[in-house]
Amino acid sequence: MAGEITKERLGFKPSTLIVAVVVVVAGGFLWWWLKQPVHYAQGPPITPEAKAYVRNLRLAEVEMKAAESFMRQAVVEITGKIGNAGERPLKQVDLNCVFYDPYGQLVLRERVSIVKPRSGPLNPGQTRSFRLAFDNIPQSWNQALPQLVIAGIQFD
């Protein structure tokens, strides 16, 4: 038939054409995805009231060590203590842990809670230990202790 496309007429199998189209589309999507700006979870911004209270919080005995998970995956663990030298009980305190590469470029920013509502308030004059585990730090990380920045405070 004159209008029918056959294997002999194309010189290749139609399935080869389908595979080629899928590869091109997947490659295009991957290129587009890699070109997108990196967005980091931020959470709500710190309020002016909380920003003024930050001077009453004390991070102490902050240490970092590497461990291996039961799945043989590297885990970076940061431990320390937070103290409340102010006059208000705190329901929640969040930190931004900011990891950099050897050139000072940001590679990961993760917001984590070090005082959580379910563990009860951090009362004035009280100190509490915290432990943070990270298993998603990019290989390009400089292996230094991340910058720890108070990102949010909720008062009790």
N, C-alpha and C. Protein backbone atom coordinates (compact mmCIF):
# COMPACT_ATOMS: atom_id res chain seq x y z
N MET A 1 0.83 -1.17 0.00
CA MET A 1 0.00 0.00 0.00
C MET A 1 0.88 1.24 0.00
N ALA A 2 0.43 2.27 -0.65
CA ALA A 2 1.24 3.46 -0.85
C ALA A 2 1.35 4.30 0.42
N GLY A 3 0.30 4.44 1.24
CA GLY A 3 0.33 5.31 2.40
C GLY A 3 0.78 4.62 3.68
N GLU A 4 0.99 3.31 3.65
CA GLU A 4 1.34 2.56 4.85
C GLU A 4 2.83 2.66 5.14
N ILE A 5 3.15 2.94 6.41
CA ILE A 5 4.56 3.03 6.81
C ILE A 5 4.98 1.65 7.25
N THR A 6 6.04 1.17 6.68
CA THR A 6 6.55 -0.16 7.02
C THR A 6 7.98 -0.04 7.50
N LYS A 7 8.44 -1.11 8.13
CA LYS A 7 9.81 -1.17 8.64
C LYS A 7 10.81 -0.96 7.50
N GLU A 8 10.52 -1.57 6.36
CA GLU A 8 11.43 -1.47 5.23
C GLU A 8 11.47 -0.04 4.69
N ARG A 9 10.35 0.64 4.71
CA ARG A 9 10.28 1.99 4.18
C ARG A 9 11.00 3.00 5.08
N LEU A 10 10.88 2.83 6.46
CA LEU A 10 11.55 3.72 7.39
C LEU A 10 13.04 3.42 7.53
N GLY A 11 13.41 2.17 7.42
CA GLY A 11 14.79 1.77 7.61
C GLY A 11 15.10 1.43 9.06
N PHE A 12 14.12 1.55 9.96
CA PHE A 12 14.30 1.18 11.37
C PHE A 12 12.94 0.82 11.94
N LYS A 13 12.96 0.20 13.12
CA LYS A 13 11.71 -0.22 13.76
C LYS A 13 11.01 0.98 14.39
N PRO A 14 9.69 1.02 14.38
CA PRO A 14 8.97 2.11 15.05
C PRO A 14 9.27 2.18 16.55
N SER A 15 9.56 1.06 17.19
CA SER A 15 9.88 1.07 18.62
C SER A 15 11.18 1.84 18.88
N THR A 16 12.10 1.83 17.93
CA THR A 16 13.33 2.59 18.06
C THR A 16 13.02 4.08 18.10
N LEU A 17 12.08 4.51 17.29
CA LEU A 17 11.67 5.90 17.26
C LEU A 17 11.04 6.29 18.60
N ILE A 18 10.22 5.44 19.17
CA ILE A 18 9.58 5.72 20.46
C ILE A 18 10.62 5.85 21.56
N VAL A 19 11.58 4.94 21.59
CA VAL A 19 12.65 4.99 22.59
C VAL A 19 13.45 6.29 22.44
N ALA A 20 13.76 6.68 21.21
CA ALA A 20 14.52 7.90 20.97
C ALA A 20 13.75 9.12 21.47
N VAL A 21 12.45 9.18 21.23
CA VAL A 21 11.63 10.30 21.68
C VAL A 21 11.60 10.34 23.21
N VAL A 22 11.44 9.20 23.86
CA VAL A 22 11.43 9.14 25.33
C VAL A 22 12.76 9.62 25.88
N VAL A 23 13.87 9.21 25.31
CA VAL A 23 15.19 9.64 25.77
C VAL A 23 15.36 11.15 25.61
N VAL A 24 14.93 11.70 24.48
CA VAL A 24 15.06 13.14 24.26
C VAL A 24 14.19 13.91 25.25
N VAL A 25 12.96 13.47 25.47
CA VAL A 25 12.07 14.16 26.41
C VAL A 25 12.63 14.06 27.84
N ALA A 26 13.09 12.88 28.25
CA ALA A 26 13.65 12.71 29.59
C ALA A 26 14.91 13.57 29.75
N GLY A 27 15.75 13.61 28.74
CA GLY A 27 16.95 14.44 28.79
C GLY A 27 16.61 15.92 28.90
N GLY A 28 15.61 16.35 28.16
CA GLY A 28 15.17 17.74 28.22
C GLY A 28 14.62 18.09 29.60
N PHE A 29 13.82 17.19 30.17
CA PHE A 29 13.29 17.42 31.51
C PHE A 29 14.42 17.49 32.54
N LEU A 30 15.38 16.58 32.45
CA LEU A 30 16.51 16.58 33.38
C LEU A 30 17.30 17.88 33.27
N TRP A 31 17.56 18.33 32.06
CA TRP A 31 18.27 19.60 31.85
C TRP A 31 17.50 20.75 32.48
N TRP A 32 16.18 20.80 32.24
CA TRP A 32 15.35 21.86 32.79
C TRP A 32 15.36 21.81 34.32
N TRP A 33 15.22 20.62 34.90
CA TRP A 33 15.17 20.45 36.35
C TRP A 33 16.48 20.89 37.00
N LEU A 34 17.63 20.56 36.41
CA LEU A 34 18.92 20.94 36.95
C LEU A 34 19.18 22.44 36.86
N LYS A 35 18.52 23.12 35.93
CA LYS A 35 18.70 24.57 35.76
C LYS A 35 17.80 25.38 36.69
N GLN A 36 16.86 24.73 37.40
CA GLN A 36 15.96 25.45 38.30
C GLN A 36 16.72 25.93 39.52
N PRO A 37 16.38 27.10 40.05
CA PRO A 37 17.04 27.57 41.27
C PRO A 37 16.69 26.65 42.44
N VAL A 38 17.62 26.50 43.37
CA VAL A 38 17.42 25.66 44.53
C VAL A 38 16.57 26.42 45.54
N HIS A 39 15.52 25.78 46.01
CA HIS A 39 14.66 26.38 47.02
C HIS A 39 14.84 25.59 48.31
N TYR A 40 14.94 26.29 49.40
CA TYR A 40 15.14 25.66 50.69
C TYR A 40 13.92 25.92 51.55
N ALA A 41 13.53 24.91 52.31
CA ALA A 41 12.39 25.08 53.21
C ALA A 41 12.71 26.14 54.24
N GLN A 42 11.85 27.13 54.36
CA GLN A 42 12.13 28.23 55.25
C GLN A 42 11.20 28.27 56.45
N GLY A 43 9.96 27.93 56.28
CA GLY A 43 9.02 28.10 57.37
C GLY A 43 8.66 29.56 57.52
N PRO A 44 7.85 29.88 58.50
CA PRO A 44 7.46 31.29 58.68
C PRO A 44 8.65 32.12 59.13
N PRO A 45 8.69 33.38 58.74
CA PRO A 45 9.81 34.24 59.15
C PRO A 45 9.74 34.53 60.65
N ILE A 46 10.86 34.86 61.21
CA ILE A 46 10.94 35.18 62.64
C ILE A 46 10.25 36.53 62.88
N THR A 47 9.43 36.58 63.90
CA THR A 47 8.70 37.82 64.21
C THR A 47 9.64 38.83 64.88
N PRO A 48 9.29 40.11 64.83
CA PRO A 48 10.11 41.11 65.52
C PRO A 48 10.25 40.82 67.02
N GLU A 49 9.17 40.36 67.63
CA GLU A 49 9.20 40.02 69.05
C GLU A 49 10.20 38.88 69.32
N ALA A 50 10.17 37.86 68.47
CA ALA A 50 11.10 36.73 68.62
C ALA A 50 12.53 37.16 68.32
N LYS A 51 12.69 38.01 67.31
CA LYS A 51 14.03 38.49 66.96
C LYS A 51 14.66 39.22 68.15
N ALA A 52 13.87 40.01 68.86
CA ALA A 52 14.38 40.73 70.04
C ALA A 52 14.73 39.75 71.17
N TYR A 53 14.04 38.62 71.23
CA TYR A 53 14.26 37.65 72.31
C TYR A 53 15.48 36.76 72.06
N VAL A 54 15.96 36.68 70.83
CA VAL A 54 17.07 35.81 70.47
C VAL A 54 18.28 36.04 71.37
N ARG A 55 18.52 37.26 71.78
CA ARG A 55 19.69 37.57 72.62
C ARG A 55 19.64 36.84 73.97
N ASN A 56 18.47 36.31 74.34
CA ASN A 56 18.32 35.57 75.59
C ASN A 56 18.59 34.07 75.44
N LEU A 57 18.81 33.61 74.24
CA LEU A 57 19.04 32.19 74.01
C LEU A 57 20.54 31.91 73.93
N ARG A 58 20.96 30.82 74.52
CA ARG A 58 22.38 30.46 74.54
C ARG A 58 22.56 29.05 74.00
N LEU A 59 23.32 28.94 72.92
CA LEU A 59 23.73 27.62 72.43
C LEU A 59 25.07 27.31 73.07
N ALA A 60 25.21 26.10 73.60
CA ALA A 60 26.45 25.72 74.28
C ALA A 60 26.79 24.26 73.98
N GLU A 61 28.05 23.93 74.17
CA GLU A 61 28.54 22.56 74.02
C GLU A 61 28.13 21.95 72.68
N VAL A 62 28.14 22.75 71.64
CA VAL A 62 27.75 22.26 70.31
C VAL A 62 28.91 21.46 69.72
N GLU A 63 28.61 20.23 69.34
CA GLU A 63 29.61 19.33 68.76
C GLU A 63 29.03 18.64 67.54
N MET A 64 29.92 18.21 66.68
CA MET A 64 29.51 17.50 65.47
C MET A 64 30.32 16.23 65.36
N LYS A 65 29.66 15.15 64.97
CA LYS A 65 30.38 13.90 64.71
C LYS A 65 29.67 13.13 63.62
N ALA A 66 30.43 12.28 62.97
CA ALA A 66 29.88 11.44 61.91
C ALA A 66 29.61 10.05 62.47
N ALA A 67 28.56 9.46 62.00
CA ALA A 67 28.20 8.10 62.40
C ALA A 67 27.72 7.36 61.16
N GLU A 68 27.47 6.09 61.33
CA GLU A 68 26.95 5.30 60.22
C GLU A 68 25.62 4.71 60.64
N SER A 69 24.61 4.87 59.78
CA SER A 69 23.29 4.34 60.10
C SER A 69 23.27 2.84 59.90
N PHE A 70 22.19 2.22 60.33
CA PHE A 70 22.05 0.77 60.17
C PHE A 70 22.00 0.38 58.69
N MET A 71 21.74 1.34 57.81
CA MET A 71 21.72 1.07 56.37
C MET A 71 23.07 1.42 55.72
N ARG A 72 24.10 1.57 56.55
CA ARG A 72 25.46 1.88 56.10
C ARG A 72 25.52 3.22 55.36
N GLN A 73 24.74 4.15 55.83
CA GLN A 73 24.70 5.49 55.25
C GLN A 73 25.34 6.46 56.24
N ALA A 74 26.15 7.39 55.74
CA ALA A 74 26.80 8.37 56.61
C ALA A 74 25.76 9.31 57.20
N VAL A 75 25.84 9.53 58.50
CA VAL A 75 24.94 10.44 59.20
C VAL A 75 25.80 11.41 59.99
N VAL A 76 25.54 12.70 59.81
CA VAL A 76 26.22 13.73 60.58
C VAL A 76 25.29 14.10 61.73
N GLU A 77 25.85 14.07 62.93
CA GLU A 77 25.06 14.33 64.12
C GLU A 77 25.61 15.57 64.82
N ILE A 78 24.71 16.51 65.12
CA ILE A 78 25.08 17.71 65.86
C ILE A 78 24.34 17.66 67.18
N THR A 79 25.11 17.79 68.26
CA THR A 79 24.52 17.80 69.60
C THR A 79 24.90 19.10 70.29
N GLY A 80 24.13 19.46 71.27
CA GLY A 80 24.43 20.66 72.03
C GLY A 80 23.34 20.93 73.05
N LYS A 81 23.40 22.12 73.61
CA LYS A 81 22.42 22.54 74.61
C LYS A 81 21.93 23.93 74.26
N ILE A 82 20.66 24.19 74.58
CA ILE A 82 20.11 25.53 74.43
C ILE A 82 19.61 25.98 75.80
N GLY A 83 19.96 27.20 76.15
CA GLY A 83 19.52 27.76 77.41
C GLY A 83 18.65 28.98 77.19
N ASN A 84 17.68 29.15 78.07
CA ASN A 84 16.77 30.29 78.01
C ASN A 84 17.12 31.24 79.16
N ALA A 85 17.84 32.31 78.84
CA ALA A 85 18.24 33.30 79.84
C ALA A 85 17.24 34.44 79.94
N GLY A 86 16.13 34.33 79.25
CA GLY A 86 15.11 35.38 79.28
C GLY A 86 14.08 35.13 80.35
N GLU A 87 12.96 35.85 80.22
CA GLU A 87 11.90 35.78 81.23
C GLU A 87 10.62 35.11 80.73
N ARG A 88 10.67 34.53 79.51
CA ARG A 88 9.46 33.93 78.95
C ARG A 88 9.67 32.45 78.63
N PRO A 89 8.67 31.63 78.91
CA PRO A 89 8.76 30.22 78.51
C PRO A 89 8.60 30.09 77.00
N LEU A 90 9.31 29.13 76.42
CA LEU A 90 9.30 28.94 74.96
C LEU A 90 8.69 27.59 74.61
N LYS A 91 7.73 27.63 73.69
CA LYS A 91 7.08 26.40 73.24
C LYS A 91 7.90 25.72 72.14
N GLN A 92 8.51 26.52 71.26
CA GLN A 92 9.27 25.96 70.13
C GLN A 92 10.39 26.91 69.76
N VAL A 93 11.55 26.32 69.43
CA VAL A 93 12.68 27.08 68.92
C VAL A 93 13.20 26.32 67.71
N ASP A 94 13.30 27.02 66.57
CA ASP A 94 13.81 26.44 65.33
C ASP A 94 15.16 27.04 64.99
N LEU A 95 16.01 26.20 64.40
CA LEU A 95 17.31 26.64 63.91
C LEU A 95 17.37 26.44 62.41
N ASN A 96 18.08 27.32 61.72
CA ASN A 96 18.50 27.04 60.35
C ASN A 96 19.93 26.53 60.46
N CYS A 97 20.16 25.32 59.97
CA CYS A 97 21.51 24.75 59.91
C CYS A 97 21.98 24.97 58.47
N VAL A 98 23.03 25.76 58.32
CA VAL A 98 23.48 26.18 57.00
C VAL A 98 24.85 25.55 56.72
N PHE A 99 24.89 24.68 55.71
CA PHE A 99 26.11 23.98 55.32
C PHE A 99 26.69 24.63 54.07
N TYR A 100 28.02 24.74 54.04
CA TYR A 100 28.72 25.38 52.93
C TYR A 100 29.71 24.41 52.28
N ASP A 101 30.12 24.74 51.06
CA ASP A 101 31.19 23.99 50.40
C ASP A 101 32.52 24.67 50.70
N PRO A 102 33.66 24.10 50.24
CA PRO A 102 34.97 24.71 50.54
C PRO A 102 35.13 26.13 50.01
N TYR A 103 34.30 26.55 49.07
CA TYR A 103 34.39 27.89 48.48
C TYR A 103 33.43 28.88 49.13
N GLY A 104 32.76 28.44 50.20
CA GLY A 104 31.83 29.32 50.90
C GLY A 104 30.45 29.40 50.28
N GLN A 105 30.17 28.54 49.31
CA GLN A 105 28.86 28.52 48.67
C GLN A 105 27.90 27.65 49.47
N LEU A 106 26.68 28.10 49.64
CA LEU A 106 25.66 27.35 50.37
C LEU A 106 25.33 26.06 49.62
N VAL A 107 25.36 24.93 50.33
CA VAL A 107 24.98 23.66 49.70
C VAL A 107 23.72 23.06 50.32
N LEU A 108 23.40 23.45 51.57
CA LEU A 108 22.19 22.94 52.21
C LEU A 108 21.80 23.87 53.35
N ARG A 109 20.53 24.20 53.40
CA ARG A 109 19.97 24.93 54.54
C ARG A 109 18.76 24.13 54.98
N GLU A 110 18.79 23.71 56.23
CA GLU A 110 17.68 22.92 56.74
C GLU A 110 17.19 23.51 58.05
N ARG A 111 15.87 23.70 58.12
CA ARG A 111 15.26 24.25 59.34
C ARG A 111 14.84 23.08 60.22
N VAL A 112 15.28 23.10 61.47
CA VAL A 112 14.99 22.02 62.40
C VAL A 112 14.58 22.60 63.75
N SER A 113 13.76 21.87 64.47
CA SER A 113 13.32 22.30 65.80
C SER A 113 14.25 21.70 66.85
N ILE A 114 14.71 22.55 67.77
CA ILE A 114 15.51 22.04 68.88
C ILE A 114 14.75 22.11 70.20
N VAL A 115 13.66 22.86 70.24
CA VAL A 115 12.70 22.83 71.34
C VAL A 115 11.36 22.57 70.66
N LYS A 116 10.68 21.51 71.09
CA LYS A 116 9.43 21.11 70.44
C LYS A 116 8.28 21.15 71.43
N PRO A 117 7.08 21.47 70.94
CA PRO A 117 5.92 21.55 71.84
C PRO A 117 5.67 20.26 72.63
N ARG A 118 5.91 19.12 72.02
CA ARG A 118 5.59 17.85 72.70
C ARG A 118 6.54 17.56 73.87
N SER A 119 7.70 18.24 73.93
CA SER A 119 8.64 18.01 75.04
C SER A 119 8.44 19.01 76.17
N GLY A 120 7.43 19.84 76.06
CA GLY A 120 7.15 20.82 77.10
C GLY A 120 7.94 22.10 76.88
N PRO A 121 7.54 23.17 77.55
CA PRO A 121 8.20 24.46 77.33
C PRO A 121 9.62 24.49 77.89
N LEU A 122 10.44 25.34 77.29
CA LEU A 122 11.77 25.65 77.81
C LEU A 122 11.57 26.90 78.68
N ASN A 123 11.56 26.68 79.97
CA ASN A 123 11.25 27.76 80.91
C ASN A 123 12.44 28.67 81.15
N PRO A 124 12.21 29.87 81.66
CA PRO A 124 13.31 30.79 81.98
C PRO A 124 14.32 30.12 82.92
N GLY A 125 15.60 30.30 82.61
CA GLY A 125 16.67 29.73 83.42
C GLY A 125 16.96 28.26 83.12
N GLN A 126 16.18 27.65 82.28
CA GLN A 126 16.33 26.23 81.98
C GLN A 126 17.25 26.00 80.79
N THR A 127 17.94 24.85 80.78
CA THR A 127 18.79 24.43 79.67
C THR A 127 18.33 23.04 79.24
N ARG A 128 18.34 22.81 77.94
CA ARG A 128 17.90 21.51 77.40
C ARG A 128 18.87 21.05 76.31
N SER A 129 19.13 19.76 76.29
CA SER A 129 19.99 19.17 75.25
C SER A 129 19.21 18.99 73.96
N PHE A 130 19.93 19.01 72.84
CA PHE A 130 19.32 18.70 71.55
C PHE A 130 20.27 17.83 70.74
N ARG A 131 19.68 17.10 69.82
CA ARG A 131 20.42 16.22 68.91
C ARG A 131 19.79 16.35 67.54
N LEU A 132 20.62 16.63 66.53
CA LEU A 132 20.15 16.77 65.14
C LEU A 132 20.92 15.78 64.28
N ALA A 133 20.23 15.06 63.45
CA ALA A 133 20.89 14.10 62.56
C ALA A 133 20.59 14.49 61.11
N PHE A 134 21.63 14.48 60.29
CA PHE A 134 21.52 14.82 58.87
C PHE A 134 22.10 13.69 58.03
N ASP A 135 21.31 13.17 57.10
CA ASP A 135 21.82 12.14 56.20
C ASP A 135 21.71 12.57 54.73
N ASN A 136 21.44 13.85 54.52
CA ASN A 136 21.22 14.35 53.16
C ASN A 136 22.16 15.49 52.78
N ILE A 137 23.31 15.57 53.42
CA ILE A 137 24.25 16.66 53.14
C ILE A 137 24.99 16.33 51.83
N PRO A 138 25.03 17.26 50.89
CA PRO A 138 25.72 17.00 49.62
C PRO A 138 27.21 16.69 49.81
N GLN A 139 27.76 15.91 48.89
CA GLN A 139 29.17 15.53 48.93
C GLN A 139 30.09 16.74 48.90
N SER A 140 29.64 17.84 48.34
CA SER A 140 30.48 19.03 48.20
C SER A 140 30.63 19.82 49.51
N TRP A 141 30.01 19.38 50.58
CA TRP A 141 30.07 20.04 51.88
C TRP A 141 31.51 20.12 52.36
N ASN A 142 31.87 21.20 53.05
CA ASN A 142 33.25 21.43 53.50
C ASN A 142 33.63 20.69 54.77
N GLN A 143 32.75 19.88 55.33
CA GLN A 143 33.00 19.06 56.52
C GLN A 143 33.12 19.89 57.80
N ALA A 144 32.80 21.17 57.76
CA ALA A 144 32.87 22.02 58.95
C ALA A 144 31.50 22.09 59.62
N LEU A 145 31.50 22.46 60.89
CA LEU A 145 30.26 22.66 61.62
C LEU A 145 29.42 23.69 60.87
N PRO A 146 28.14 23.40 60.63
CA PRO A 146 27.32 24.38 59.91
C PRO A 146 27.06 25.62 60.75
N GLN A 147 26.67 26.66 60.07
CA GLN A 147 26.25 27.88 60.75
C GLN A 147 24.88 27.59 61.37
N LEU A 148 24.70 27.89 62.64
CA LEU A 148 23.45 27.65 63.34
C LEU A 148 22.81 29.00 63.65
N VAL A 149 21.63 29.24 63.08
CA VAL A 149 20.96 30.53 63.19
C VAL A 149 19.55 30.31 63.71
N ILE A 150 19.18 31.03 64.76
CA ILE A 150 17.81 30.94 65.27
C ILE A 150 16.86 31.41 64.17
N ALA A 151 15.93 30.55 63.79
CA ALA A 151 15.04 30.83 62.67
C ALA A 151 13.61 31.10 63.12
N GLY A 152 13.28 30.69 64.31
CA GLY A 152 11.91 30.90 64.78
C GLY A 152 11.77 30.61 66.26
N ILE A 153 10.89 31.35 66.89
CA ILE A 153 10.59 31.16 68.32
C ILE A 153 9.08 31.27 68.48
N GLN A 154 8.51 30.31 69.19
CA GLN A 154 7.09 30.41 69.59
C GLN A 154 7.06 30.46 71.11
N PHE A 155 6.40 31.46 71.63
CA PHE A 155 6.30 31.62 73.07
C PHE A 155 5.16 30.77 73.61
N ASP A 156 5.32 30.28 74.83
CA ASP A 156 4.30 29.43 75.46
C ASP A 156 3.21 30.28 76.06
